[in-house]
Amino acid sequence: MSDPGNNPIPPEQQEMPLIEHLLELRNRLLKMVLAVIVCFAFIYPFANDLYLWLSLPLRELLPVGQTMIATDITSPFFAPLKLALVLAVFAAIPVILYQLWSFVAPGLYAHEKRLAFPLLFTSVILFYAGAAFAYYVVFPLVFGFFTAIGPEGIVELPDISSYLNFVLKMFFAFGVAFEIPIATVLLILTGATTPQDLAAKRPYVVVACFIIGMLLTPPDIISQTLLAVPMWILFEFGILFGRLAYRRVDDASEGESDSA
């Protein structure tokens, strides 16, 4: 049995019935949840220390004698708990992606497997890189800007829950933004576009990067630019790697067609 392109369908895809697919998916999901629970069990005892580390970029900029506050009586408990849970998911991302990979890999062709795993691995690295960029580069500049423009006589006492929601949003925004090369490569590999078409749309992409930066970051030019410029640079890397992957897929497809 073969597909319209004369590429043989992997045996695993032919033989495994629907019920076995569902059971396999259930087992993979349980392993993902277990990985998150295990990470949470290790992280939660250090939740308060981790929150202090997370809030350091802001606390260092507060005037002497001022600190953060909890406006809700449950915040001192739930804010570190929420942080520990989010960090547990972040820490378990490699396991989660590996389980997803193990589930879909049997249905992929040889040339797709050669590209899929590097893309998954790179996506994890890029997401972590985006979060690290936000913490070490963006936060000091953004918080420095906000703490410097306030009217005189106004005492700044940031709420711990509001701060946590803000930084998690920024982590997510920069983590997702740093996935642009992966998205670009996937668009090229699926045939939705070509490297040449993407390169021709570069001016529109630059404008879109700044619009996204405006929507996902606080209303200041510093954080908007710090998100938009890396997005544009990563888009250029995506085009470059997309061209390389496009050529490899063409070569692999031609080789498989010849062997068939």
Protein backbone atom coordinates (compact mmCIF):
# COMPACT_ATOMS: atom_id res chain seq x y z
CA MET A 1 0.00 0.00 0.00
CA SER A 2 1.31 3.45 -0.85
CA ASP A 3 0.22 7.04 -0.79
CA PRO A 4 -0.45 9.12 -3.93
CA GLY A 5 3.18 10.20 -3.96
CA ASN A 6 4.35 6.57 -4.15
CA ASN A 7 5.80 6.78 -0.64
CA PRO A 8 5.09 3.63 1.40
CA ILE A 9 2.95 4.14 4.48
CA PRO A 10 4.83 3.19 7.64
CA PRO A 11 3.81 -0.28 8.94
CA GLU A 12 2.89 1.13 12.36
CA GLN A 13 0.36 3.43 10.74
CA GLN A 14 -1.21 0.57 8.79
CA GLU A 15 -1.47 -1.97 11.58
CA MET A 16 -2.48 -0.04 14.71
CA PRO A 17 -6.31 0.20 15.03
CA LEU A 18 -8.12 3.22 16.44
CA ILE A 19 -8.58 1.78 19.95
CA GLU A 20 -4.84 1.19 20.26
CA HIS A 21 -4.16 4.74 19.13
CA LEU A 22 -6.48 6.02 21.86
CA LEU A 23 -4.87 3.83 24.50
CA GLU A 24 -1.44 4.96 23.41
CA LEU A 25 -2.55 8.60 23.59
CA ARG A 26 -3.96 8.04 27.09
CA ASN A 27 -0.70 6.52 28.29
CA ARG A 28 1.31 9.38 26.84
CA LEU A 29 -0.95 11.97 28.49
CA LEU A 30 -0.66 10.21 31.84
CA LYS A 31 3.12 10.29 31.56
CA MET A 32 3.00 14.02 30.78
CA VAL A 33 0.85 14.70 33.84
CA LEU A 34 3.10 12.52 35.99
CA ALA A 35 6.15 14.44 34.80
CA VAL A 36 4.51 17.74 35.81
CA ILE A 37 3.55 16.33 39.21
CA VAL A 38 7.07 15.05 39.88
CA CYS A 39 8.61 18.40 38.87
CA PHE A 40 6.08 20.22 41.06
CA ALA A 41 6.94 18.00 44.04
CA PHE A 42 10.61 18.95 43.70
CA ILE A 43 10.00 22.65 43.03
CA TYR A 44 7.29 23.51 45.55
CA PRO A 45 9.53 23.35 48.68
CA PHE A 46 11.59 26.15 47.09
CA ALA A 47 8.58 28.17 45.88
CA ASN A 48 9.15 31.13 48.24
CA ASP A 49 12.85 31.36 47.36
CA LEU A 50 12.01 31.12 43.68
CA TYR A 51 9.51 33.94 44.01
CA LEU A 52 12.14 36.11 45.68
CA TRP A 53 14.49 35.37 42.77
CA LEU A 54 11.75 36.11 40.24
CA SER A 55 10.92 39.44 41.88
CA LEU A 56 14.56 40.51 42.20
CA PRO A 57 14.62 42.67 39.02
CA LEU A 58 11.85 44.84 40.49
CA ARG A 59 12.83 44.77 44.16
CA GLU A 60 16.34 45.98 43.33
CA LEU A 61 14.85 49.12 41.79
CA LEU A 62 12.50 50.02 44.62
CA PRO A 63 13.56 52.83 46.95
CA VAL A 64 15.30 51.85 50.15
CA GLY A 65 12.81 50.68 52.74
CA GLN A 66 10.08 49.84 50.23
CA THR A 67 9.11 46.33 49.26
CA MET A 68 6.31 44.35 47.65
CA ILE A 69 2.98 43.77 49.36
CA ALA A 70 0.10 41.27 49.32
CA THR A 71 -3.28 42.95 48.91
CA ASP A 72 -5.13 39.63 49.24
CA ILE A 73 -4.89 37.55 52.39
CA THR A 74 -4.34 34.37 50.33
CA SER A 75 -1.69 35.84 48.02
CA PRO A 76 1.34 34.81 50.12
CA PHE A 77 0.23 31.19 49.66
CA PHE A 78 -1.23 31.14 46.16
CA ALA A 79 1.38 33.29 44.39
CA PRO A 80 4.33 30.95 45.16
CA LEU A 81 2.06 27.95 44.52
CA LYS A 82 1.12 29.26 41.09
CA LEU A 83 4.75 30.01 40.31
CA ALA A 84 5.80 26.49 41.32
CA LEU A 85 3.11 24.96 39.11
CA VAL A 86 4.09 27.07 36.09
CA LEU A 87 7.77 26.27 36.60
CA ALA A 88 6.88 22.58 36.87
CA VAL A 89 5.21 22.74 33.46
CA PHE A 90 8.23 24.60 32.06
CA ALA A 91 10.60 22.01 33.53
CA ALA A 92 8.53 19.14 32.16
CA ILE A 93 8.38 20.53 28.62
CA PRO A 94 11.17 18.20 27.35
CA VAL A 95 9.27 15.17 28.68
CA ILE A 96 5.98 16.47 27.29
CA LEU A 97 7.44 17.02 23.84
CA TYR A 98 9.18 13.65 23.93
CA GLN A 99 5.86 11.93 24.67
CA LEU A 100 4.21 13.81 21.81
CA TRP A 101 7.09 12.86 19.56
CA SER A 102 6.84 9.18 20.56
CA PHE A 103 3.12 9.23 19.74
CA VAL A 104 3.37 10.77 16.26
CA ALA A 105 6.76 9.39 15.17
CA PRO A 106 5.48 5.96 14.00
CA GLY A 107 3.28 7.70 11.43
CA LEU A 108 6.04 9.81 9.93
CA TYR A 109 8.18 9.05 6.92
CA ALA A 110 11.94 8.76 7.26
CA HIS A 111 12.72 12.26 5.98
CA GLU A 112 10.01 13.73 8.24
CA LYS A 113 11.52 12.02 11.30
CA ARG A 114 14.93 13.45 10.48
CA LEU A 115 13.47 16.96 10.60
CA ALA A 116 10.77 16.64 13.28
CA PHE A 117 13.01 15.76 16.22
CA PRO A 118 15.51 18.62 15.64
CA LEU A 119 12.55 21.01 15.33
CA LEU A 120 11.09 19.81 18.65
CA PHE A 121 14.44 20.07 20.40
CA THR A 122 15.09 23.53 18.97
CA SER A 123 11.62 24.73 19.94
CA VAL A 124 12.32 23.87 23.60
CA ILE A 125 15.65 25.70 23.54
CA LEU A 126 14.12 28.75 21.87
CA PHE A 127 11.26 28.92 24.38
CA TYR A 128 13.68 28.83 27.30
CA ALA A 129 15.87 31.39 25.54
CA GLY A 130 12.90 33.71 25.15
CA ALA A 131 12.04 33.46 28.84
CA ALA A 132 15.69 34.05 29.82
CA PHE A 133 15.87 37.06 27.48
CA ALA A 134 12.78 38.52 29.17
CA TYR A 135 14.20 38.05 32.67
CA TYR A 136 17.77 39.19 32.13
CA VAL A 137 17.32 41.88 29.46
CA VAL A 138 13.73 43.10 29.32
CA PHE A 139 12.73 43.15 32.98
CA PRO A 140 15.55 45.41 34.23
CA LEU A 141 14.86 47.94 31.47
CA VAL A 142 11.07 47.85 31.76
CA PHE A 143 10.97 48.02 35.55
CA GLY A 144 13.62 50.74 35.51
CA PHE A 145 11.42 52.73 33.16
CA PHE A 146 8.26 52.27 35.24
CA THR A 147 9.90 53.07 38.57
CA ALA A 148 11.54 56.20 37.15
CA ILE A 149 8.50 57.90 35.57
CA GLY A 150 6.16 57.88 38.56
CA PRO A 151 5.09 61.20 40.09
CA GLU A 152 7.05 62.36 43.09
CA GLY A 153 5.45 61.56 46.42
CA ILE A 154 3.86 58.35 45.12
CA VAL A 155 4.98 55.30 47.09
CA GLU A 156 5.40 52.24 44.88
CA LEU A 157 4.26 49.04 46.61
CA PRO A 158 3.79 46.39 43.90
CA ASP A 159 1.37 43.56 44.67
CA ILE A 160 2.94 40.09 44.53
CA SER A 161 0.04 38.53 42.59
CA SER A 162 -0.10 41.33 40.03
CA TYR A 163 3.65 41.13 39.57
CA LEU A 164 3.52 37.36 39.05
CA ASN A 165 0.75 37.65 36.45
CA PHE A 166 2.74 40.33 34.64
CA VAL A 167 6.02 38.42 34.47
CA LEU A 168 4.32 35.14 33.47
CA LYS A 169 2.62 36.98 30.63
CA MET A 170 5.98 38.37 29.56
CA PHE A 171 7.65 34.97 29.79
CA PHE A 172 4.93 33.47 27.62
CA ALA A 173 5.05 36.33 25.11
CA PHE A 174 8.81 36.17 24.65
CA GLY A 175 8.86 32.36 24.74
CA VAL A 176 6.29 32.16 21.97
CA ALA A 177 7.93 34.99 20.01
CA PHE A 178 11.20 33.10 20.00
CA GLU A 179 9.41 30.20 18.27
CA ILE A 180 9.18 32.23 15.06
CA PRO A 181 12.01 30.31 13.31
CA ILE A 182 10.19 27.02 13.99
CA ALA A 183 6.90 28.41 12.70
CA THR A 184 8.64 29.77 9.61
CA VAL A 185 10.32 26.46 8.85
CA LEU A 186 7.04 24.55 9.32
CA LEU A 187 5.19 26.89 6.98
CA ILE A 188 7.84 26.27 4.34
CA LEU A 189 7.96 22.49 4.84
CA THR A 190 4.17 22.12 4.68
CA GLY A 191 4.08 23.99 1.39
CA ALA A 192 2.01 26.87 2.76
CA THR A 193 4.65 29.27 1.47
CA THR A 194 8.18 29.40 0.11
CA PRO A 195 11.36 31.12 1.34
CA GLN A 196 11.15 33.48 -1.61
CA ASP A 197 7.58 34.52 -0.79
CA LEU A 198 8.48 35.12 2.87
CA ALA A 199 11.49 37.18 1.91
CA ALA A 200 9.31 39.28 -0.39
CA LYS A 201 6.90 39.97 2.49
CA ARG A 202 9.69 41.17 4.81
CA PRO A 203 8.42 44.79 5.11
CA TYR A 204 4.98 43.57 6.22
CA VAL A 205 6.56 41.16 8.70
CA VAL A 206 8.59 43.97 10.29
CA VAL A 207 5.45 46.05 10.76
CA ALA A 208 3.62 43.01 12.17
CA CYS A 209 6.46 42.41 14.65
CA PHE A 210 6.09 45.92 16.07
CA ILE A 211 2.30 45.58 16.22
CA ILE A 212 2.64 42.30 18.13
CA GLY A 213 5.23 43.91 20.39
CA MET A 214 2.76 46.71 21.11
CA LEU A 215 -0.03 44.25 21.98
CA LEU A 216 1.97 41.83 24.11
CA THR A 217 4.12 44.22 26.13
CA PRO A 218 3.50 47.20 28.41
CA PRO A 219 2.77 50.53 26.70
CA ASP A 220 6.34 51.74 26.47
CA ILE A 221 8.63 51.88 23.46
CA ILE A 222 11.47 50.03 25.21
CA SER A 223 9.69 46.73 25.82
CA GLN A 224 7.91 46.92 22.46
CA THR A 225 11.21 47.31 20.64
CA LEU A 226 12.90 44.62 22.74
CA LEU A 227 10.24 42.16 21.57
CA ALA A 228 9.84 43.34 17.97
CA VAL A 229 13.53 43.43 17.01
CA PRO A 230 14.32 39.85 18.19
CA MET A 231 11.16 38.66 16.40
CA TRP A 232 12.37 40.19 13.16
CA ILE A 233 15.87 38.72 13.57
CA LEU A 234 14.40 35.30 14.36
CA PHE A 235 12.19 35.58 11.28
CA GLU A 236 15.32 36.06 9.17
CA PHE A 237 16.87 32.98 10.79
CA GLY A 238 13.66 31.10 10.04
CA ILE A 239 13.92 31.94 6.35
CA LEU A 240 17.56 30.84 6.30
CA PHE A 241 16.91 27.51 8.01
CA GLY A 242 13.73 27.07 5.98
CA ARG A 243 15.72 27.23 2.77
CA LEU A 244 18.13 24.59 4.05
CA ALA A 245 15.32 22.31 5.25
CA TYR A 246 13.41 22.82 2.00
CA ARG A 247 16.38 21.60 0.01
CA ARG A 248 16.89 18.60 2.31
CA VAL A 249 13.25 17.55 2.02
CA ASP A 250 13.36 17.83 -1.76
CA ASP A 251 16.50 15.72 -1.89
CA ALA A 252 15.06 13.14 0.52
CA SER A 253 11.77 12.94 -1.39
CA GLU A 254 13.58 12.45 -4.65
CA GLY A 255 15.69 9.69 -3.09
CA GLU A 256 12.64 7.88 -1.72
CA SER A 257 10.83 8.16 -5.06
CA ASP A 258 13.83 6.73 -6.89
CA SER A 259 14.11 3.83 -4.42
CA ALA A 260 10.38 3.10 -4.78
